[in-house]
Amino acid sequence: MADDMPLASILVIDDDEAITGLISAILTKDGYKVLIASSGVDGVKMAKEAKPHLIFMDITMPDMDGYETTQQIKADKSLQNIPVIFLTGKSASEDGGRAFATGGLTYMRKPFTAQQLRDIVSLAIQALRV
């Protein structure tokens, strides 16, 4: 990241500790500030408090799925421009376009590699700076 740019913060909303731990380890090492929420309800609250630059959103969570969580985040005018990248094991046909219809920028399939994660974060952060 450029020296004159503030450190980007990334909120990961996922109930799977293995996934949040992996994403956090990779992105923290790369210099990002990573925030973790383990449920949709906590994710909405944390997004409102922290106003992250980027959100990774699991689709399948027990209390409130990623689609509903994203809709609640996007309903807040101060959060509506934050890019949301869905994390999913579903195929595009299984999702049926819901990720995009609810305001998602794109999605990343699980399992993913560290390089795939870095690439998608880099693209999303660059898009914010345009």
N, C-alpha and C. Protein backbone atom coordinates (compact mmCIF):
# COMPACT_ATOMS: atom_id res chain seq x y z
N MET A 1 0.84 -1.18 0.00
CA MET A 1 0.00 0.00 0.00
C MET A 1 0.88 1.24 0.00
N ALA A 2 0.41 2.28 -0.62
CA ALA A 2 1.18 3.51 -0.70
C ALA A 2 1.35 4.11 0.69
N ASP A 3 2.50 4.76 0.88
CA ASP A 3 2.80 5.32 2.20
C ASP A 3 1.80 6.39 2.62
N ASP A 4 1.22 7.10 1.66
CA ASP A 4 0.30 8.19 2.00
C ASP A 4 -1.13 7.72 2.23
N MET A 5 -1.40 6.45 2.00
CA MET A 5 -2.75 5.91 2.20
C MET A 5 -2.88 5.33 3.61
N PRO A 6 -4.01 5.57 4.26
CA PRO A 6 -4.20 4.96 5.57
C PRO A 6 -4.34 3.45 5.44
N LEU A 7 -4.02 2.75 6.50
CA LEU A 7 -4.14 1.30 6.53
C LEU A 7 -5.60 0.91 6.29
N ALA A 8 -5.83 0.03 5.35
CA ALA A 8 -7.19 -0.42 5.05
C ALA A 8 -7.66 -1.40 6.12
N SER A 9 -8.90 -1.25 6.53
CA SER A 9 -9.48 -2.20 7.49
C SER A 9 -10.46 -3.11 6.75
N ILE A 10 -10.41 -4.38 7.12
CA ILE A 10 -11.23 -5.39 6.47
C ILE A 10 -12.01 -6.15 7.53
N LEU A 11 -13.33 -6.17 7.37
CA LEU A 11 -14.20 -6.91 8.28
C LEU A 11 -14.53 -8.26 7.66
N VAL A 12 -14.30 -9.32 8.42
CA VAL A 12 -14.62 -10.67 7.98
C VAL A 12 -15.80 -11.16 8.83
N ILE A 13 -16.91 -11.46 8.18
CA ILE A 13 -18.10 -11.94 8.88
C ILE A 13 -18.30 -13.40 8.48
N ASP A 14 -17.96 -14.30 9.39
CA ASP A 14 -18.02 -15.74 9.10
C ASP A 14 -18.07 -16.49 10.43
N ASP A 15 -18.89 -17.52 10.51
CA ASP A 15 -19.00 -18.29 11.75
C ASP A 15 -17.98 -19.42 11.83
N ASP A 16 -17.15 -19.58 10.80
CA ASP A 16 -16.14 -20.64 10.77
C ASP A 16 -14.79 -20.06 11.22
N GLU A 17 -14.36 -20.45 12.42
CA GLU A 17 -13.12 -19.90 12.97
C GLU A 17 -11.90 -20.25 12.14
N ALA A 18 -11.92 -21.37 11.45
CA ALA A 18 -10.79 -21.74 10.60
C ALA A 18 -10.66 -20.75 9.44
N ILE A 19 -11.78 -20.35 8.87
CA ILE A 19 -11.77 -19.39 7.76
C ILE A 19 -11.35 -18.01 8.25
N THR A 20 -11.95 -17.55 9.35
CA THR A 20 -11.59 -16.21 9.84
C THR A 20 -10.14 -16.16 10.28
N GLY A 21 -9.66 -17.24 10.87
CA GLY A 21 -8.26 -17.29 11.30
C GLY A 21 -7.31 -17.24 10.12
N LEU A 22 -7.64 -17.98 9.07
CA LEU A 22 -6.81 -18.00 7.86
C LEU A 22 -6.77 -16.62 7.20
N ILE A 23 -7.94 -16.03 6.99
CA ILE A 23 -8.00 -14.72 6.35
C ILE A 23 -7.27 -13.69 7.20
N SER A 24 -7.50 -13.72 8.50
CA SER A 24 -6.85 -12.78 9.40
C SER A 24 -5.33 -12.91 9.36
N ALA A 25 -4.84 -14.14 9.40
CA ALA A 25 -3.39 -14.37 9.39
C ALA A 25 -2.76 -13.83 8.10
N ILE A 26 -3.37 -14.12 6.97
CA ILE A 26 -2.81 -13.68 5.68
C ILE A 26 -2.85 -12.16 5.56
N LEU A 27 -4.01 -11.57 5.83
CA LEU A 27 -4.16 -10.14 5.59
C LEU A 27 -3.46 -9.28 6.64
N THR A 28 -3.39 -9.76 7.89
CA THR A 28 -2.64 -9.03 8.92
C THR A 28 -1.16 -8.99 8.54
N LYS A 29 -0.66 -10.12 8.07
CA LYS A 29 0.74 -10.19 7.63
C LYS A 29 1.00 -9.21 6.48
N ASP A 30 -0.01 -8.99 5.64
CA ASP A 30 0.11 -8.07 4.51
C ASP A 30 -0.10 -6.61 4.91
N GLY A 31 -0.37 -6.35 6.20
CA GLY A 31 -0.47 -4.98 6.68
C GLY A 31 -1.87 -4.41 6.79
N TYR A 32 -2.89 -5.25 6.63
CA TYR A 32 -4.26 -4.78 6.78
C TYR A 32 -4.71 -4.94 8.22
N LYS A 33 -5.64 -4.10 8.63
CA LYS A 33 -6.28 -4.25 9.93
C LYS A 33 -7.50 -5.15 9.71
N VAL A 34 -7.52 -6.29 10.39
CA VAL A 34 -8.60 -7.26 10.18
C VAL A 34 -9.49 -7.32 11.41
N LEU A 35 -10.78 -7.18 11.18
CA LEU A 35 -11.79 -7.27 12.23
C LEU A 35 -12.61 -8.52 11.96
N ILE A 36 -13.01 -9.21 13.01
CA ILE A 36 -13.74 -10.47 12.87
C ILE A 36 -15.10 -10.39 13.58
N ALA A 37 -16.14 -10.82 12.89
CA ALA A 37 -17.46 -10.99 13.49
C ALA A 37 -17.90 -12.42 13.17
N SER A 38 -18.41 -13.12 14.18
CA SER A 38 -18.76 -14.53 13.98
C SER A 38 -20.23 -14.76 13.68
N SER A 39 -21.00 -13.69 13.52
CA SER A 39 -22.42 -13.83 13.16
C SER A 39 -22.86 -12.60 12.37
N GLY A 40 -23.97 -12.75 11.67
CA GLY A 40 -24.51 -11.63 10.91
C GLY A 40 -24.88 -10.45 11.80
N VAL A 41 -25.50 -10.74 12.94
CA VAL A 41 -25.91 -9.68 13.87
C VAL A 41 -24.68 -8.90 14.35
N ASP A 42 -23.64 -9.64 14.77
CA ASP A 42 -22.42 -8.97 15.22
C ASP A 42 -21.74 -8.24 14.06
N GLY A 43 -21.83 -8.79 12.86
CA GLY A 43 -21.23 -8.17 11.69
C GLY A 43 -21.85 -6.82 11.37
N VAL A 44 -23.17 -6.74 11.42
CA VAL A 44 -23.86 -5.47 11.17
C VAL A 44 -23.42 -4.44 12.21
N LYS A 45 -23.41 -4.85 13.47
CA LYS A 45 -23.01 -3.95 14.56
C LYS A 45 -21.56 -3.47 14.37
N MET A 46 -20.67 -4.40 14.06
CA MET A 46 -19.27 -4.05 13.90
C MET A 46 -19.06 -3.15 12.68
N ALA A 47 -19.79 -3.40 11.60
CA ALA A 47 -19.67 -2.57 10.40
C ALA A 47 -20.07 -1.13 10.72
N LYS A 48 -21.14 -0.97 11.49
CA LYS A 48 -21.60 0.37 11.86
C LYS A 48 -20.59 1.09 12.75
N GLU A 49 -19.95 0.34 13.63
CA GLU A 49 -18.97 0.94 14.55
C GLU A 49 -17.64 1.24 13.86
N ALA A 50 -17.14 0.30 13.07
CA ALA A 50 -15.79 0.40 12.52
C ALA A 50 -15.73 1.03 11.13
N LYS A 51 -16.82 0.95 10.38
CA LYS A 51 -16.86 1.44 8.99
C LYS A 51 -15.62 0.98 8.21
N PRO A 52 -15.51 -0.34 8.00
CA PRO A 52 -14.33 -0.90 7.32
C PRO A 52 -14.29 -0.49 5.84
N HIS A 53 -13.14 -0.68 5.23
CA HIS A 53 -12.98 -0.37 3.81
C HIS A 53 -13.54 -1.49 2.93
N LEU A 54 -13.57 -2.72 3.47
CA LEU A 54 -13.97 -3.89 2.71
C LEU A 54 -14.56 -4.92 3.67
N ILE A 55 -15.55 -5.69 3.18
CA ILE A 55 -16.17 -6.73 4.00
C ILE A 55 -16.14 -8.06 3.24
N PHE A 56 -15.67 -9.11 3.93
CA PHE A 56 -15.83 -10.48 3.45
C PHE A 56 -17.02 -11.06 4.19
N MET A 57 -17.97 -11.64 3.45
CA MET A 57 -19.23 -12.09 4.02
C MET A 57 -19.49 -13.55 3.70
N ASP A 58 -19.58 -14.38 4.73
CA ASP A 58 -19.99 -15.76 4.53
C ASP A 58 -21.47 -15.77 4.17
N ILE A 59 -21.88 -16.65 3.29
CA ILE A 59 -23.29 -16.72 2.93
C ILE A 59 -24.07 -17.53 3.95
N THR A 60 -23.54 -18.68 4.37
CA THR A 60 -24.27 -19.59 5.24
C THR A 60 -23.84 -19.40 6.69
N MET A 61 -24.71 -18.74 7.47
CA MET A 61 -24.47 -18.55 8.90
C MET A 61 -25.76 -18.86 9.64
N PRO A 62 -25.66 -19.26 10.92
CA PRO A 62 -26.85 -19.74 11.63
C PRO A 62 -27.90 -18.67 11.96
N ASP A 63 -27.52 -17.50 12.42
CA ASP A 63 -28.53 -16.55 12.90
C ASP A 63 -29.16 -15.73 11.78
N MET A 64 -28.34 -15.27 10.87
CA MET A 64 -28.81 -14.44 9.77
C MET A 64 -27.83 -14.70 8.63
N ASP A 65 -28.34 -15.10 7.46
CA ASP A 65 -27.41 -15.45 6.39
C ASP A 65 -26.72 -14.20 5.83
N GLY A 66 -25.74 -14.44 4.98
CA GLY A 66 -24.95 -13.35 4.44
C GLY A 66 -25.73 -12.40 3.56
N TYR A 67 -26.76 -12.91 2.88
CA TYR A 67 -27.58 -12.04 2.04
C TYR A 67 -28.32 -11.01 2.90
N GLU A 68 -28.96 -11.50 3.95
CA GLU A 68 -29.71 -10.59 4.84
C GLU A 68 -28.77 -9.63 5.55
N THR A 69 -27.63 -10.13 6.00
CA THR A 69 -26.64 -9.29 6.67
C THR A 69 -26.19 -8.17 5.73
N THR A 70 -25.91 -8.53 4.48
CA THR A 70 -25.48 -7.53 3.51
C THR A 70 -26.58 -6.51 3.25
N GLN A 71 -27.82 -6.96 3.15
CA GLN A 71 -28.93 -6.03 2.94
C GLN A 71 -29.02 -5.03 4.09
N GLN A 72 -28.83 -5.50 5.32
CA GLN A 72 -28.89 -4.60 6.47
C GLN A 72 -27.74 -3.60 6.45
N ILE A 73 -26.55 -4.07 6.07
CA ILE A 73 -25.40 -3.17 5.99
C ILE A 73 -25.62 -2.14 4.88
N LYS A 74 -26.06 -2.58 3.72
CA LYS A 74 -26.26 -1.68 2.58
C LYS A 74 -27.42 -0.70 2.80
N ALA A 75 -28.33 -1.02 3.72
CA ALA A 75 -29.43 -0.12 4.03
C ALA A 75 -28.97 1.12 4.80
N ASP A 76 -27.79 1.03 5.41
CA ASP A 76 -27.22 2.15 6.16
C ASP A 76 -26.45 3.03 5.17
N LYS A 77 -26.89 4.29 5.00
CA LYS A 77 -26.28 5.18 4.02
C LYS A 77 -24.78 5.36 4.22
N SER A 78 -24.31 5.30 5.46
CA SER A 78 -22.88 5.49 5.73
C SER A 78 -22.05 4.24 5.39
N LEU A 79 -22.73 3.12 5.10
CA LEU A 79 -22.04 1.86 4.81
C LEU A 79 -22.28 1.36 3.39
N GLN A 80 -23.21 1.97 2.68
CA GLN A 80 -23.67 1.39 1.41
C GLN A 80 -22.59 1.30 0.33
N ASN A 81 -21.52 2.07 0.42
CA ASN A 81 -20.47 2.01 -0.60
C ASN A 81 -19.32 1.08 -0.25
N ILE A 82 -19.40 0.40 0.88
CA ILE A 82 -18.35 -0.55 1.26
C ILE A 82 -18.50 -1.81 0.40
N PRO A 83 -17.45 -2.19 -0.33
CA PRO A 83 -17.55 -3.41 -1.13
C PRO A 83 -17.71 -4.66 -0.25
N VAL A 84 -18.61 -5.54 -0.66
CA VAL A 84 -18.83 -6.81 0.04
C VAL A 84 -18.44 -7.94 -0.91
N ILE A 85 -17.54 -8.80 -0.44
CA ILE A 85 -17.13 -9.97 -1.19
C ILE A 85 -17.67 -11.19 -0.45
N PHE A 86 -18.54 -11.93 -1.11
CA PHE A 86 -19.12 -13.11 -0.49
C PHE A 86 -18.15 -14.27 -0.51
N LEU A 87 -18.13 -15.03 0.59
CA LEU A 87 -17.37 -16.27 0.71
C LEU A 87 -18.37 -17.40 0.62
N THR A 88 -18.15 -18.33 -0.29
CA THR A 88 -19.14 -19.38 -0.46
C THR A 88 -18.55 -20.68 -0.99
N GLY A 89 -19.21 -21.74 -0.65
CA GLY A 89 -18.92 -23.03 -1.24
C GLY A 89 -19.88 -23.32 -2.38
N LYS A 90 -20.85 -22.41 -2.58
CA LYS A 90 -21.86 -22.60 -3.62
C LYS A 90 -21.31 -22.20 -4.98
N SER A 91 -21.90 -22.77 -6.01
CA SER A 91 -21.55 -22.38 -7.37
C SER A 91 -22.39 -21.16 -7.76
N ALA A 92 -22.03 -20.52 -8.84
CA ALA A 92 -22.78 -19.36 -9.31
C ALA A 92 -24.24 -19.72 -9.59
N SER A 93 -24.46 -20.92 -10.14
CA SER A 93 -25.84 -21.32 -10.44
C SER A 93 -26.65 -21.58 -9.17
N GLU A 94 -26.00 -22.10 -8.12
CA GLU A 94 -26.70 -22.33 -6.85
C GLU A 94 -27.06 -21.01 -6.18
N ASP A 95 -26.19 -20.01 -6.34
CA ASP A 95 -26.43 -18.70 -5.76
C ASP A 95 -27.55 -17.97 -6.49
N GLY A 96 -27.68 -18.23 -7.77
CA GLY A 96 -28.77 -17.63 -8.55
C GLY A 96 -28.69 -16.12 -8.66
N GLY A 97 -27.51 -15.56 -8.48
CA GLY A 97 -27.36 -14.11 -8.59
C GLY A 97 -27.69 -13.34 -7.32
N ARG A 98 -28.02 -14.04 -6.25
CA ARG A 98 -28.40 -13.35 -5.01
C ARG A 98 -27.27 -12.51 -4.44
N ALA A 99 -26.01 -12.96 -4.61
CA ALA A 99 -24.87 -12.20 -4.10
C ALA A 99 -24.86 -10.80 -4.70
N PHE A 100 -25.12 -10.70 -5.99
CA PHE A 100 -25.10 -9.40 -6.67
C PHE A 100 -26.38 -8.61 -6.38
N ALA A 101 -27.50 -9.29 -6.32
CA ALA A 101 -28.78 -8.63 -6.07
C ALA A 101 -28.83 -7.97 -4.70
N THR A 102 -28.09 -8.49 -3.74
CA THR A 102 -28.09 -7.91 -2.40
C THR A 102 -26.99 -6.89 -2.20
N GLY A 103 -26.21 -6.63 -3.25
CA GLY A 103 -25.20 -5.57 -3.15
C GLY A 103 -23.77 -6.06 -3.09
N GLY A 104 -23.55 -7.34 -3.32
CA GLY A 104 -22.19 -7.86 -3.31
C GLY A 104 -21.41 -7.43 -4.54
N LEU A 105 -20.12 -7.17 -4.35
CA LEU A 105 -19.23 -6.82 -5.45
C LEU A 105 -18.89 -8.06 -6.27
N THR A 106 -18.54 -9.13 -5.58
CA THR A 106 -18.19 -10.39 -6.22
C THR A 106 -18.21 -11.47 -5.15
N TYR A 107 -17.78 -12.66 -5.50
CA TYR A 107 -17.67 -13.71 -4.48
C TYR A 107 -16.42 -14.52 -4.72
N MET A 108 -15.95 -15.16 -3.66
CA MET A 108 -14.78 -16.00 -3.70
C MET A 108 -15.20 -17.38 -3.20
N ARG A 109 -14.87 -18.39 -3.99
CA ARG A 109 -15.24 -19.77 -3.64
C ARG A 109 -14.32 -20.32 -2.56
N LYS A 110 -14.90 -21.07 -1.65
CA LYS A 110 -14.13 -21.83 -0.66
C LYS A 110 -13.92 -23.23 -1.23
N PRO A 111 -12.80 -23.84 -1.08
CA PRO A 111 -11.59 -23.28 -0.47
C PRO A 111 -10.88 -22.35 -1.45
N PHE A 112 -10.07 -21.46 -0.92
CA PHE A 112 -9.33 -20.50 -1.74
C PHE A 112 -7.87 -20.52 -1.30
N THR A 113 -7.02 -20.00 -2.16
CA THR A 113 -5.59 -19.93 -1.83
C THR A 113 -5.26 -18.55 -1.27
N ALA A 114 -4.12 -18.45 -0.62
CA ALA A 114 -3.67 -17.16 -0.10
C ALA A 114 -3.54 -16.16 -1.24
N GLN A 115 -3.05 -16.62 -2.39
CA GLN A 115 -2.87 -15.70 -3.52
C GLN A 115 -4.22 -15.21 -4.06
N GLN A 116 -5.22 -16.10 -4.12
CA GLN A 116 -6.55 -15.66 -4.56
C GLN A 116 -7.10 -14.59 -3.62
N LEU A 117 -6.91 -14.79 -2.32
CA LEU A 117 -7.36 -13.83 -1.33
C LEU A 117 -6.66 -12.49 -1.54
N ARG A 118 -5.34 -12.52 -1.66
CA ARG A 118 -4.57 -11.29 -1.86
C ARG A 118 -5.00 -10.56 -3.15
N ASP A 119 -5.22 -11.32 -4.20
CA ASP A 119 -5.60 -10.71 -5.48
C ASP A 119 -6.94 -10.00 -5.38
N ILE A 120 -7.92 -10.65 -4.77
CA ILE A 120 -9.26 -10.05 -4.70
C ILE A 120 -9.27 -8.83 -3.78
N VAL A 121 -8.50 -8.89 -2.69
CA VAL A 121 -8.40 -7.74 -1.79
C VAL A 121 -7.72 -6.58 -2.52
N SER A 122 -6.65 -6.86 -3.22
CA SER A 122 -5.94 -5.83 -3.96
C SER A 122 -6.84 -5.14 -4.98
N LEU A 123 -7.60 -5.93 -5.73
CA LEU A 123 -8.52 -5.35 -6.72
C LEU A 123 -9.59 -4.49 -6.06
N ALA A 124 -10.16 -4.98 -4.97
CA ALA A 124 -11.22 -4.22 -4.29
C ALA A 124 -10.68 -2.92 -3.69
N ILE A 125 -9.50 -2.97 -3.08
CA ILE A 125 -8.91 -1.77 -2.48
C ILE A 125 -8.53 -0.77 -3.58
N GLN A 126 -7.99 -1.25 -4.68
CA GLN A 126 -7.65 -0.35 -5.80
C GLN A 126 -8.91 0.33 -6.35
N ALA A 127 -9.99 -0.41 -6.42
CA ALA A 127 -11.25 0.15 -6.94
C ALA A 127 -11.75 1.27 -6.03
N LEU A 128 -11.49 1.18 -4.74
CA LEU A 128 -11.91 2.22 -3.80
C LEU A 128 -11.16 3.52 -4.03
N ARG A 129 -9.96 3.43 -4.56
CA ARG A 129 -9.10 4.60 -4.71
C ARG A 129 -9.33 5.33 -6.02
N VAL A 130 -10.09 4.76 -6.92
CA VAL A 130 -10.29 5.39 -8.24
C VAL A 130 -11.18 6.59 -8.12
